[in-house]
Amino acid sequence: MRLATWNVNSVRSRVDRAVAFLERTGTDVLALQETKCRDDQFPRAAFEAAGYEVATFGFSQWNGVALVSRVGLDDVERGFPTQPGFGEAPGPEARAIGATCGGVRVWSLYVPHGRAVGDPHYRYKLAWLDALRTQAQGWLDPATGDPDAAVALVGDWNVAPRDTDVWDLAVFADQTHITPPERAAFAAFESAGYTEVTRVHVPQDRRYTYWDYQRLRFPRDEGMRIDFAYVSPAVAARTTAVSIERVERKGKAPSDHVPVVLDLADTGARTGADGSADAAADAA
């Protein structure tokens, strides 16, 4: 099975690119973030015409997550249990959606940005990550879940865990994404029993997944690595390859993020989103 995650930065603006990506890479399950539309506005017809089922969670032009699958889409959950809200909102923001796809419990996650250190949104971000980690640990706990469960937590984590995950550390001094509390909250998923497999398979420094639209950040390769996949032991054992599809930052109307693609053994080898494609994009 091929599983990808992509902060698409408005699915209505980039539906053609998303469908073309699915067709080019043979991706079976695509987790989307920042869809930026209500559920009734999501362009599901284009995905369904390509042979995919769609599950969405969106309220407005902000946030929004979705799952697109051609290997099943069962037991959909919009938001995880105990997911905190922000401010006076009546419920959780549209930042997490889960479903079982091809036997894997996939969660598309859009972690809060944090805005600024000390801002209420920064505290919300840390609380959000802690709540998710608690839930994720419970899913693998023998007393409350299943240690052999196939779980994938994928998406835009809005954390750069290492200094080399940002193009210039000095530029981010005293800003979010690189602070010790954020990095500790991210690392805590490892102690909860999960493996961040993109780093295992793409260990090289400065392999970014996001480049701001401003100041020629992409041509200068001034980016960040903030899109990741924490997976349970059952999924980590099946992960045979990971690629960062840098080519999707090029061309007409790209997102500021690129897809991260995981290949999971047991459904046969595929081609189109391997390391050579990423290397070719890096060389271009």
Protein backbone atom coordinates (compact mmCIF):
# COMPACT_ATOMS: atom_id res chain seq x y z
CA MET A 1 0.00 0.00 0.00
CA ARG A 2 1.21 3.49 -0.82
CA LEU A 3 0.26 6.15 1.76
CA ALA A 4 0.95 9.86 1.30
CA THR A 5 0.41 12.99 3.37
CA TRP A 6 0.17 16.48 1.89
CA ASN A 7 -0.68 19.89 3.27
CA VAL A 8 -2.39 21.00 0.08
CA ASN A 9 -3.08 24.59 1.18
CA SER A 10 -6.62 24.78 -0.30
CA VAL A 11 -7.93 21.66 -1.96
CA ARG A 12 -10.31 23.60 -4.21
CA SER A 13 -7.36 25.50 -5.68
CA ARG A 14 -5.29 22.37 -6.16
CA VAL A 15 -7.71 19.53 -6.82
CA ASP A 16 -6.29 18.98 -10.32
CA ARG A 17 -2.76 18.73 -8.93
CA ALA A 18 -3.91 16.34 -6.21
CA VAL A 19 -5.67 13.99 -8.63
CA ALA A 20 -2.70 14.14 -11.02
CA PHE A 21 -0.39 13.28 -8.12
CA LEU A 22 -2.51 10.26 -7.24
CA GLU A 23 -2.45 9.06 -10.82
CA ARG A 24 1.27 9.71 -11.29
CA THR A 25 2.38 7.96 -8.13
CA GLY A 26 -0.23 5.23 -7.76
CA THR A 27 -0.96 6.40 -4.23
CA ASP A 28 -3.66 4.37 -2.47
CA VAL A 29 -4.36 6.64 0.50
CA LEU A 30 -3.82 10.40 0.64
CA ALA A 31 -4.07 12.35 3.89
CA LEU A 32 -4.72 16.04 3.23
CA GLN A 33 -4.32 19.04 5.51
CA GLU A 34 -5.34 22.68 5.21
CA THR A 35 -8.18 21.83 2.86
CA LYS A 36 -9.68 25.26 3.70
CA CYS A 37 -13.32 24.49 2.95
CA ARG A 38 -16.52 23.22 4.49
CA ASP A 39 -17.42 19.58 3.98
CA ASP A 40 -20.07 20.50 1.43
CA GLN A 41 -17.52 22.54 -0.56
CA PHE A 42 -14.92 19.78 -0.86
CA PRO A 43 -14.40 18.79 -4.53
CA ARG A 44 -15.08 15.12 -3.85
CA ALA A 45 -16.45 14.42 -7.34
CA ALA A 46 -12.98 14.74 -8.89
CA PHE A 47 -11.51 12.19 -6.47
CA GLU A 48 -14.47 9.85 -6.78
CA ALA A 49 -14.19 9.94 -10.57
CA ALA A 50 -10.59 8.77 -10.15
CA GLY A 51 -11.76 5.80 -8.06
CA TYR A 52 -11.30 7.11 -4.52
CA GLU A 53 -13.56 7.40 -1.50
CA VAL A 54 -13.44 10.64 0.45
CA ALA A 55 -13.89 11.58 4.11
CA THR A 56 -13.69 15.24 5.11
CA PHE A 57 -13.65 17.43 8.20
CA GLY A 58 -13.87 21.16 7.58
CA PHE A 59 -15.87 24.12 8.85
CA SER A 60 -14.63 27.14 6.89
CA GLN A 61 -11.72 28.61 4.97
CA TRP A 62 -9.42 27.79 7.89
CA ASN A 63 -7.77 24.47 8.73
CA GLY A 64 -9.55 21.38 7.42
CA VAL A 65 -8.37 17.77 6.95
CA ALA A 66 -9.43 14.90 4.73
CA LEU A 67 -8.67 11.32 3.76
CA VAL A 68 -8.86 10.00 0.21
CA SER A 69 -8.61 6.22 -0.29
CA ARG A 70 -9.08 3.52 -2.89
CA VAL A 71 -8.44 0.67 -0.42
CA GLY A 72 -11.34 1.29 1.95
CA LEU A 73 -12.43 4.09 4.24
CA ASP A 74 -14.06 2.69 7.34
CA ASP A 75 -14.93 3.87 10.86
CA VAL A 76 -14.33 7.55 10.18
CA GLU A 77 -13.63 9.74 13.23
CA ARG A 78 -13.62 13.53 13.02
CA GLY A 79 -11.34 14.65 15.80
CA PHE A 80 -9.67 12.34 18.31
CA PRO A 81 -11.03 11.73 21.82
CA THR A 82 -10.06 14.50 24.26
CA GLN A 83 -8.85 16.73 21.41
CA PRO A 84 -8.72 20.22 22.94
CA GLY A 85 -10.43 23.20 21.41
CA PHE A 86 -9.10 26.73 21.19
CA GLY A 87 -10.49 29.75 22.93
CA GLU A 88 -14.27 29.89 23.12
CA ALA A 89 -14.91 27.57 20.18
CA PRO A 90 -17.74 25.13 20.97
CA GLY A 91 -15.74 22.08 19.84
CA PRO A 92 -12.43 20.95 18.39
CA GLU A 93 -11.06 22.59 15.28
CA ALA A 94 -10.94 20.60 12.04
CA ARG A 95 -7.41 19.35 12.58
CA ALA A 96 -7.68 15.55 12.81
CA ILE A 97 -9.57 12.87 10.90
CA GLY A 98 -9.05 9.13 11.18
CA ALA A 99 -10.24 6.11 9.23
CA THR A 100 -9.22 2.53 8.55
CA CYS A 101 -7.76 2.21 5.06
CA GLY A 102 -6.48 -1.12 3.81
CA GLY A 103 -6.19 -2.37 7.39
CA VAL A 104 -4.23 0.67 8.63
CA ARG A 105 -5.75 3.22 10.98
CA VAL A 106 -4.68 6.44 9.27
CA TRP A 107 -4.91 9.84 10.95
CA SER A 108 -4.53 13.01 8.91
CA LEU A 109 -3.24 15.65 11.32
CA TYR A 110 -2.83 19.40 11.10
CA VAL A 111 -1.07 20.40 14.31
CA PRO A 112 -1.71 23.98 15.47
CA HIS A 113 0.92 26.49 14.39
CA GLY A 114 1.45 28.16 17.76
CA ARG A 115 1.69 31.70 16.32
CA ALA A 116 4.27 33.03 18.77
CA VAL A 117 6.06 31.81 21.88
CA GLY A 118 3.92 32.74 24.86
CA ASP A 119 0.78 33.25 22.79
CA PRO A 120 -2.33 31.35 23.94
CA HIS A 121 -2.16 29.48 20.64
CA TYR A 122 1.33 28.26 21.56
CA ARG A 123 -0.01 26.77 24.82
CA TYR A 124 -2.89 25.30 22.83
CA LYS A 125 -0.40 23.66 20.45
CA LEU A 126 1.45 21.99 23.29
CA ALA A 127 -1.80 20.83 24.91
CA TRP A 128 -3.00 19.50 21.53
CA LEU A 129 0.16 17.46 21.01
CA ASP A 130 0.04 16.13 24.57
CA ALA A 131 -3.59 15.06 24.18
CA LEU A 132 -2.82 13.30 20.90
CA ARG A 133 0.19 11.55 22.39
CA THR A 134 -1.90 10.31 25.31
CA GLN A 135 -4.53 8.94 22.93
CA ALA A 136 -1.95 7.38 20.64
CA GLN A 137 -0.21 5.68 23.52
CA GLY A 138 -3.53 4.25 24.66
CA TRP A 139 -4.20 2.78 21.22
CA LEU A 140 -1.10 0.59 21.65
CA ASP A 141 -1.42 -0.12 25.36
CA PRO A 142 -2.27 -3.79 26.09
CA ALA A 143 -4.77 -2.68 28.73
CA THR A 144 -6.64 -0.15 26.61
CA GLY A 145 -5.77 -0.97 23.01
CA ASP A 146 -3.74 -3.35 20.87
CA PRO A 147 0.09 -3.38 20.74
CA ASP A 148 -0.14 -4.93 17.26
CA ALA A 149 -2.50 -2.27 15.90
CA ALA A 150 -1.56 -0.73 12.56
CA VAL A 151 -1.67 3.03 13.17
CA ALA A 152 -0.22 5.88 11.11
CA LEU A 153 -0.18 9.47 12.40
CA VAL A 154 0.68 11.55 9.37
CA GLY A 155 0.50 15.20 8.46
CA ASP A 156 1.79 18.69 9.05
CA TRP A 157 3.21 18.66 12.57
CA ASN A 158 4.37 22.29 12.57
CA VAL A 159 7.52 21.25 14.45
CA ALA A 160 11.08 21.16 13.13
CA PRO A 161 12.63 18.53 15.44
CA ARG A 162 16.27 19.15 14.47
CA ASP A 163 18.32 22.25 13.84
CA THR A 164 18.97 21.05 10.28
CA ASP A 165 15.20 20.94 9.65
CA VAL A 166 15.26 24.70 9.08
CA TRP A 167 17.37 26.45 6.46
CA ASP A 168 18.84 29.00 8.87
CA LEU A 169 18.48 28.50 12.60
CA ALA A 170 19.21 32.17 13.32
CA VAL A 171 16.14 33.22 11.34
CA PHE A 172 13.93 31.18 13.68
CA ALA A 173 15.46 32.34 16.95
CA ASP A 174 12.78 32.94 19.58
CA GLN A 175 10.06 31.72 17.19
CA THR A 176 7.78 28.70 17.19
CA HIS A 177 8.52 25.31 15.62
CA ILE A 178 12.01 24.91 17.12
CA THR A 179 11.51 25.61 20.83
CA PRO A 180 12.47 22.91 23.35
CA PRO A 181 8.87 22.36 24.57
CA GLU A 182 7.63 21.81 21.00
CA ARG A 183 10.49 19.46 20.20
CA ALA A 184 9.92 17.56 23.46
CA ALA A 185 6.20 17.21 22.66
CA PHE A 186 7.09 15.83 19.23
CA ALA A 187 9.72 13.43 20.61
CA ALA A 188 7.25 12.11 23.21
CA PHE A 189 5.50 10.07 20.52
CA GLU A 190 8.59 7.88 20.34
CA SER A 191 8.29 7.05 24.04
CA ALA A 192 4.60 6.32 23.37
CA GLY A 193 5.66 3.45 21.09
CA TYR A 194 5.76 5.11 17.66
CA THR A 195 8.54 5.47 15.09
CA GLU A 196 8.97 8.53 12.88
CA VAL A 197 9.69 6.58 9.70
CA THR A 198 10.40 9.46 7.33
CA ARG A 199 13.64 10.12 9.21
CA VAL A 200 14.51 6.42 9.14
CA HIS A 201 14.22 6.23 5.35
CA VAL A 202 15.24 9.81 4.46
CA PRO A 203 17.90 10.56 7.09
CA GLN A 204 19.73 13.23 5.12
CA ASP A 205 19.87 16.73 6.54
CA ARG A 206 18.06 19.62 4.87
CA ARG A 207 15.47 17.53 3.08
CA TYR A 208 12.65 20.01 3.44
CA THR A 209 8.90 19.57 3.00
CA TYR A 210 7.85 23.24 3.15
CA TRP A 211 9.05 26.46 1.54
CA ASP A 212 7.36 29.82 2.10
CA TYR A 213 6.01 31.56 -0.98
CA GLN A 214 7.87 34.77 -0.11
CA ARG A 215 11.45 35.87 -0.86
CA LEU A 216 12.24 33.12 -3.38
CA ARG A 217 12.45 30.58 -0.58
CA PHE A 218 11.98 27.59 -2.85
CA PRO A 219 14.52 28.51 -5.58
CA ARG A 220 17.01 29.18 -2.79
CA ASP A 221 16.04 25.97 -0.99
CA GLU A 222 15.31 27.91 2.18
CA GLY A 223 12.79 25.54 3.66
CA MET A 224 11.65 23.56 6.67
CA ARG A 225 11.02 19.90 7.40
CA ILE A 226 7.73 19.81 9.29
CA ASP A 227 5.68 17.03 7.62
CA PHE A 228 6.16 13.64 9.26
CA ALA A 229 4.75 10.15 9.82
CA TYR A 230 4.75 8.57 13.28
CA VAL A 231 3.67 4.94 12.92
CA SER A 232 3.06 1.99 15.22
CA PRO A 233 5.51 -0.95 15.29
CA ALA A 234 3.24 -2.95 12.97
CA VAL A 235 3.41 -0.22 10.32
CA ALA A 236 7.09 0.57 10.87
CA ALA A 237 7.93 -3.08 10.14
CA ARG A 238 6.06 -2.82 6.83
CA THR A 239 7.52 0.51 5.71
CA THR A 240 9.95 -0.21 2.88
CA ALA A 241 10.55 3.30 1.51
CA VAL A 242 9.77 6.96 2.02
CA SER A 243 10.10 9.80 -0.48
CA ILE A 244 9.69 13.55 -0.31
CA GLU A 245 8.03 14.60 -3.55
CA ARG A 246 9.90 17.86 -4.04
CA VAL A 247 8.75 18.12 -7.65
CA GLU A 248 5.25 19.08 -6.42
CA ARG A 249 6.59 22.44 -5.23
CA LYS A 250 7.21 23.34 -8.88
CA GLY A 251 4.89 24.19 -11.74
CA LYS A 252 1.59 26.02 -11.76
CA ALA A 253 -0.03 27.02 -8.45
CA PRO A 254 1.81 24.67 -6.09
CA SER A 255 1.14 24.28 -2.41
CA ASP A 256 3.88 25.56 -0.12
CA HIS A 257 4.23 21.98 1.17
CA VAL A 258 5.05 18.82 -0.79
CA PRO A 259 3.74 15.26 -0.33
CA VAL A 260 5.60 12.75 1.81
CA VAL A 261 5.04 9.21 0.54
CA LEU A 262 5.31 5.92 2.45
CA ASP A 263 5.44 2.49 0.81
CA LEU A 264 4.08 -0.32 2.96
CA ALA A 265 4.91 -3.93 2.12
CA ASP A 266 2.25 -6.56 1.41
CA THR A 267 0.47 -5.06 -1.60
CA GLY A 268 3.28 -5.37 -4.12
CA ALA A 269 5.94 -3.00 -5.31
CA ARG A 270 4.99 0.17 -7.14
CA THR A 271 6.92 2.83 -9.02
CA GLY A 272 6.71 6.58 -9.39
CA ALA A 273 7.38 7.98 -5.91
CA ASP A 274 10.72 6.43 -5.05
CA GLY A 275 14.02 7.96 -4.12
CA SER A 276 15.00 8.44 -7.76
CA ALA A 277 12.08 10.77 -8.33
CA ASP A 278 13.12 12.82 -5.35
CA ALA A 279 16.74 12.83 -6.48
CA ALA A 280 15.70 13.99 -9.91
CA ALA A 281 13.72 16.84 -8.39
CA ASP A 282 16.69 17.83 -6.23
CA ALA A 283 18.93 17.90 -9.26
CA ALA A 284 16.53 20.05 -11.30
